[in-house]
Amino acid sequence: MCSKRARRQMGRTANIGVVSMWKLFKLVLTICLTVCPYSHGLNVVSVIIRGFKWYQYETIAPTYDVAFDDANVTFPSLTESVTRRTVFRLGQSNTCDDEAEELHKTLGELLRVLATLDGPTVLLTPGCTLMATTLGDLARELNLPLIISTAGGATFLDKERFPTVLSLGYTDHDSVCEAAVAMLEMYNWTIVSLLCGDLYRFANALTVTACRTLESRLRQQPQTYQVNKIVYDPERTEDLPPILQRVKSQSRSKSP
């Protein structure tokens, strides 16, 4: 279980990551308005489902506002023609599946908003991968650009399915897995102990999935990796010393 200080730091990191991604968005915005100087300007529609605390409405909406204000200072002649709309649903999603379900309940409102707009339109969302996947399919059918600021991974590299999606996300469980394997290969580490907090009742879905994905990936190479998986409950801190001692004994050997 993360400490309050660690959770605050992770929240700050998430916000910093979103702000950094919006620096790239400013470039995308500039290109859109420069290459496509429509008389109606550009419509930007944000789709936000209140759910995960690191990218729900209270976190993302102010960040988006700051990013647009920053873009307005840098490119005042371009951003003055931008019209912003936000489609927001007050949900209590605890998982990505919950958030995707809330999106389905919101699609009618989104389509009604889109029907009122003239000129080119860009969709934005900070949603998780499953939610962004659903929205990406809709964007393809409507032929609308979709900028994803949080979700990422190999899913959105399929340009036949997602020809209009630009993912600015920095990670997902597939990316975490590939990064971990690359590190193991770099240092020639072959004994791997995975401590997976699957029993934690508030476990982050990304963390649980990432651990399982990495385990599956490593077990596909039994001749290369010796995998020791330990499932534990992070709420039971008294269990950690023996668990770490077990990991140490599995990962190290001493010559007689």
Protein backbone atom coordinates (compact mmCIF):
# COMPACT_ATOMS: atom_id res chain seq x y z
CA MET A 1 0.00 0.00 0.00
CA CYS A 2 1.39 3.38 -0.98
CA SER A 3 1.89 5.96 1.74
CA LYS A 4 0.01 9.27 1.59
CA ARG A 5 3.24 10.97 0.60
CA ALA A 6 3.79 8.49 -2.22
CA ARG A 7 0.23 8.92 -3.48
CA ARG A 8 0.61 12.71 -3.47
CA GLN A 9 3.86 12.38 -5.42
CA MET A 10 2.22 10.05 -7.94
CA GLY A 11 -0.63 12.52 -8.34
CA ARG A 12 1.84 15.35 -8.96
CA THR A 13 3.69 13.17 -11.46
CA ALA A 14 0.45 12.45 -13.30
CA ASN A 15 -0.35 16.17 -13.51
CA ILE A 16 3.15 17.02 -14.72
CA GLY A 17 2.87 14.32 -17.36
CA VAL A 18 -0.43 15.71 -18.64
CA VAL A 19 0.96 19.26 -18.77
CA SER A 20 4.01 18.02 -20.71
CA MET A 21 1.77 16.21 -23.16
CA TRP A 22 -0.18 19.41 -23.69
CA LYS A 23 2.96 21.10 -24.89
CA LEU A 24 2.80 18.60 -27.74
CA PHE A 25 -0.91 19.35 -28.11
CA LYS A 26 -0.08 23.03 -28.66
CA LEU A 27 2.03 21.96 -31.62
CA VAL A 28 -0.79 19.75 -32.94
CA LEU A 29 -3.25 22.62 -32.49
CA THR A 30 -0.98 24.98 -34.39
CA ILE A 31 -0.60 22.56 -37.28
CA CYS A 32 -4.39 22.01 -37.44
CA LEU A 33 -5.16 25.71 -37.60
CA THR A 34 -2.31 26.56 -39.95
CA VAL A 35 -2.91 23.78 -42.46
CA CYS A 36 -6.71 23.96 -42.24
CA PRO A 37 -7.68 27.65 -41.89
CA TYR A 38 -11.46 27.09 -41.82
CA SER A 39 -13.60 30.18 -41.43
CA HIS A 40 -15.53 28.53 -38.59
CA GLY A 41 -12.36 27.89 -36.60
CA LEU A 42 -11.74 24.70 -34.66
CA ASN A 43 -14.07 22.92 -32.23
CA VAL A 44 -12.39 21.07 -29.35
CA VAL A 45 -14.64 18.65 -27.45
CA SER A 46 -13.29 17.11 -24.23
CA VAL A 47 -14.86 13.86 -23.05
CA ILE A 48 -14.24 13.29 -19.33
CA ILE A 49 -15.71 10.62 -17.07
CA ARG A 50 -15.29 11.19 -13.36
CA GLY A 51 -13.52 8.13 -12.05
CA PHE A 52 -9.86 7.51 -11.28
CA LYS A 53 -8.67 10.33 -9.03
CA TRP A 54 -5.48 10.98 -11.04
CA TYR A 55 -7.35 11.90 -14.21
CA GLN A 56 -10.96 12.55 -13.22
CA TYR A 57 -12.68 15.89 -13.80
CA GLU A 58 -11.30 17.72 -10.75
CA THR A 59 -7.74 16.90 -11.86
CA ILE A 60 -7.92 17.10 -15.63
CA ALA A 61 -10.31 20.01 -16.25
CA PRO A 62 -8.06 22.62 -14.55
CA THR A 63 -5.02 21.13 -16.29
CA TYR A 64 -6.74 21.46 -19.67
CA ASP A 65 -7.68 25.07 -18.83
CA VAL A 66 -4.07 25.93 -17.97
CA ALA A 67 -2.85 24.27 -21.16
CA PHE A 68 -5.27 26.25 -23.34
CA ASP A 69 -4.40 29.49 -21.56
CA ASP A 70 -0.73 28.74 -22.16
CA ALA A 71 -1.44 28.01 -25.83
CA ASN A 72 -3.38 31.27 -26.08
CA VAL A 73 -0.35 33.24 -24.85
CA THR A 74 1.95 31.48 -27.31
CA PHE A 75 -0.40 31.44 -30.32
CA PRO A 76 -3.01 34.19 -29.72
CA SER A 77 -3.92 34.60 -33.39
CA LEU A 78 -4.61 30.89 -33.76
CA THR A 79 -6.39 29.95 -30.54
CA GLU A 80 -8.87 32.85 -30.69
CA SER A 81 -10.85 30.82 -33.23
CA VAL A 82 -11.05 27.73 -31.00
CA THR A 83 -14.41 26.82 -29.47
CA ARG A 84 -14.29 24.46 -26.49
CA ARG A 85 -16.97 22.08 -25.29
CA THR A 86 -16.84 19.50 -22.47
CA VAL A 87 -18.96 16.37 -22.21
CA PHE A 88 -18.75 15.29 -18.57
CA ARG A 89 -20.38 12.46 -16.68
CA LEU A 90 -20.33 12.16 -12.91
CA GLY A 91 -19.42 8.52 -12.36
CA GLN A 92 -17.78 6.60 -9.55
CA SER A 93 -15.69 4.23 -11.63
CA ASN A 94 -13.04 2.20 -9.84
CA THR A 95 -11.80 0.27 -12.86
CA CYS A 96 -11.29 0.88 -16.55
CA ASP A 97 -14.29 -1.39 -17.26
CA ASP A 98 -16.45 0.89 -15.10
CA GLU A 99 -15.22 3.94 -16.97
CA ALA A 100 -15.94 2.37 -20.36
CA GLU A 101 -19.46 1.52 -19.18
CA GLU A 102 -20.00 5.13 -18.12
CA LEU A 103 -18.83 6.25 -21.56
CA HIS A 104 -21.53 4.17 -23.25
CA LYS A 105 -24.10 6.05 -21.16
CA THR A 106 -22.55 9.33 -22.32
CA LEU A 107 -22.35 8.71 -26.08
CA GLY A 108 -25.85 10.06 -26.73
CA GLU A 109 -24.96 13.39 -25.15
CA LEU A 110 -21.68 13.49 -27.08
CA LEU A 111 -23.46 12.92 -30.40
CA ARG A 112 -25.95 15.68 -29.58
CA VAL A 113 -23.11 18.12 -28.88
CA LEU A 114 -21.31 17.17 -32.10
CA ALA A 115 -24.51 17.73 -34.10
CA THR A 116 -24.58 21.39 -33.02
CA LEU A 117 -21.03 22.19 -34.19
CA ASP A 118 -19.88 23.64 -37.50
CA GLY A 119 -16.37 23.34 -38.88
CA PRO A 120 -13.56 20.92 -38.02
CA THR A 121 -13.79 19.16 -34.66
CA VAL A 122 -11.19 17.46 -32.50
CA LEU A 123 -12.06 15.10 -29.65
CA LEU A 124 -9.94 14.93 -26.49
CA THR A 125 -10.07 12.47 -23.62
CA PRO A 126 -7.99 11.61 -20.54
CA GLY A 127 -9.78 8.26 -20.25
CA CYS A 128 -8.24 4.86 -19.62
CA THR A 129 -7.30 2.49 -22.43
CA LEU A 130 -10.66 0.67 -22.70
CA MET A 131 -12.62 3.93 -22.68
CA ALA A 132 -10.25 5.47 -25.23
CA THR A 133 -10.56 2.37 -27.41
CA THR A 134 -14.34 2.75 -27.52
CA LEU A 135 -14.05 6.46 -28.25
CA GLY A 136 -11.42 5.71 -30.91
CA ASP A 137 -13.84 3.42 -32.74
CA LEU A 138 -16.46 6.16 -32.67
CA ALA A 139 -13.93 8.73 -33.93
CA ARG A 140 -13.08 6.44 -36.84
CA GLU A 141 -16.73 6.10 -37.86
CA LEU A 142 -17.30 9.86 -37.59
CA ASN A 143 -13.92 10.62 -39.22
CA LEU A 144 -12.91 12.87 -36.33
CA PRO A 145 -9.42 13.29 -34.87
CA LEU A 146 -9.12 11.98 -31.30
CA ILE A 147 -6.27 13.06 -29.01
CA ILE A 148 -5.74 10.75 -26.03
CA SER A 149 -3.75 12.33 -23.22
CA THR A 150 -3.53 9.40 -20.77
CA ALA A 151 -4.11 5.99 -22.37
CA GLY A 152 -1.39 4.51 -24.53
CA GLY A 153 0.23 1.33 -25.74
CA ALA A 154 0.39 -0.85 -28.82
CA THR A 155 -3.42 -0.89 -29.20
CA PHE A 156 -3.46 2.54 -30.80
CA LEU A 157 -0.67 1.70 -33.26
CA ASP A 158 -3.22 -0.20 -35.36
CA LYS A 159 -3.92 2.51 -37.92
CA GLU A 160 -6.47 0.43 -39.78
CA ARG A 161 -8.66 0.42 -36.70
CA PHE A 162 -7.61 3.82 -35.33
CA PRO A 163 -6.69 5.99 -38.33
CA THR A 164 -7.75 9.22 -36.60
CA VAL A 165 -6.28 8.60 -33.11
CA LEU A 166 -3.22 10.36 -31.71
CA SER A 167 -2.13 8.83 -28.39
CA LEU A 168 0.07 10.96 -26.15
CA GLY A 169 -0.06 8.49 -23.25
CA TYR A 170 3.23 7.52 -21.72
CA THR A 171 2.44 3.98 -20.56
CA ASP A 172 0.06 1.07 -20.25
CA HIS A 173 0.54 -2.46 -18.96
CA ASP A 174 1.97 -3.67 -22.30
CA SER A 175 4.52 -0.84 -22.31
CA VAL A 176 5.50 -1.57 -18.69
CA CYS A 177 6.01 -5.21 -19.61
CA GLU A 178 8.19 -4.48 -22.63
CA ALA A 179 10.27 -1.97 -20.66
CA ALA A 180 10.84 -4.50 -17.87
CA VAL A 181 11.92 -7.22 -20.33
CA ALA A 182 14.28 -4.79 -22.06
CA MET A 183 15.90 -3.98 -18.69
CA LEU A 184 16.29 -7.68 -17.85
CA GLU A 185 17.92 -8.32 -21.21
CA MET A 186 20.24 -5.33 -20.85
CA TYR A 187 21.65 -6.54 -17.52
CA ASN A 188 21.36 -10.24 -18.34
CA TRP A 189 19.16 -10.86 -15.30
CA THR A 190 17.47 -14.26 -15.51
CA ILE A 191 16.07 -14.85 -11.99
CA VAL A 192 12.96 -12.74 -11.52
CA SER A 193 10.82 -12.47 -8.39
CA LEU A 194 7.48 -10.79 -8.96
CA LEU A 195 5.68 -9.33 -5.96
CA CYS A 196 2.09 -8.85 -7.08
CA GLY A 197 -0.35 -7.11 -4.76
CA ASP A 198 -3.40 -8.84 -6.26
CA LEU A 199 -5.07 -9.37 -2.88
CA TYR A 200 -5.23 -5.66 -2.09
CA ARG A 201 -8.91 -4.62 -2.19
CA PHE A 202 -8.03 -1.16 -3.54
CA ALA A 203 -5.46 -2.52 -5.98
CA ASN A 204 -4.87 -0.37 -9.05
CA ALA A 205 -6.12 -2.22 -12.14
CA LEU A 206 -3.08 -1.15 -14.17
CA THR A 207 -0.67 -2.50 -11.54
CA VAL A 208 -2.46 -5.85 -11.26
CA THR A 209 -2.70 -6.28 -15.02
CA ALA A 210 0.92 -5.21 -15.56
CA CYS A 211 2.17 -7.82 -13.09
CA ARG A 212 0.15 -10.59 -14.73
CA THR A 213 1.21 -9.49 -18.21
CA LEU A 214 4.90 -9.50 -17.23
CA GLU A 215 4.57 -12.93 -15.62
CA SER A 216 2.94 -14.35 -18.77
CA ARG A 217 5.61 -12.80 -20.98
CA LEU A 218 8.51 -14.21 -18.94
CA ARG A 219 7.00 -17.69 -18.64
CA GLN A 220 6.94 -17.91 -22.41
CA GLN A 221 10.75 -18.17 -22.19
CA PRO A 222 11.30 -20.91 -19.56
CA GLN A 223 14.81 -21.58 -20.87
CA THR A 224 15.79 -17.97 -20.19
CA TYR A 225 13.95 -16.87 -17.06
CA GLN A 226 13.33 -18.42 -13.67
CA VAL A 227 10.17 -16.73 -12.45
CA ASN A 228 9.12 -16.69 -8.81
CA LYS A 229 5.74 -15.06 -8.25
CA ILE A 230 4.58 -14.04 -4.78
CA VAL A 231 1.02 -12.79 -4.36
CA TYR A 232 0.59 -10.71 -1.23
CA ASP A 233 -1.73 -8.22 0.46
CA PRO A 234 -0.07 -4.76 0.73
CA GLU A 235 -2.38 -3.91 3.63
CA ARG A 236 -0.64 -6.53 5.76
CA THR A 237 2.70 -4.79 6.22
CA GLU A 238 3.76 -7.34 8.86
CA ASP A 239 4.04 -9.90 6.05
CA LEU A 240 6.62 -7.90 4.11
CA PRO A 241 9.87 -8.83 6.01
CA PRO A 242 9.49 -12.61 5.50
CA ILE A 243 8.38 -12.05 1.91
CA LEU A 244 11.46 -9.93 1.15
CA GLN A 245 13.68 -12.50 2.89
CA ARG A 246 12.16 -15.18 0.69
CA VAL A 247 12.83 -13.11 -2.42
CA LYS A 248 16.42 -12.59 -1.31
CA SER A 249 17.00 -16.31 -0.82
CA GLN A 250 15.49 -17.11 -4.21
CA SER A 251 17.50 -14.51 -6.05
CA ARG A 252 20.92 -14.91 -4.50
CA SER A 253 23.25 -17.82 -3.75
CA LYS A 254 26.43 -18.05 -1.70
CA SER A 255 29.36 -20.27 -2.44
CA PRO A 256 30.33 -22.61 0.42
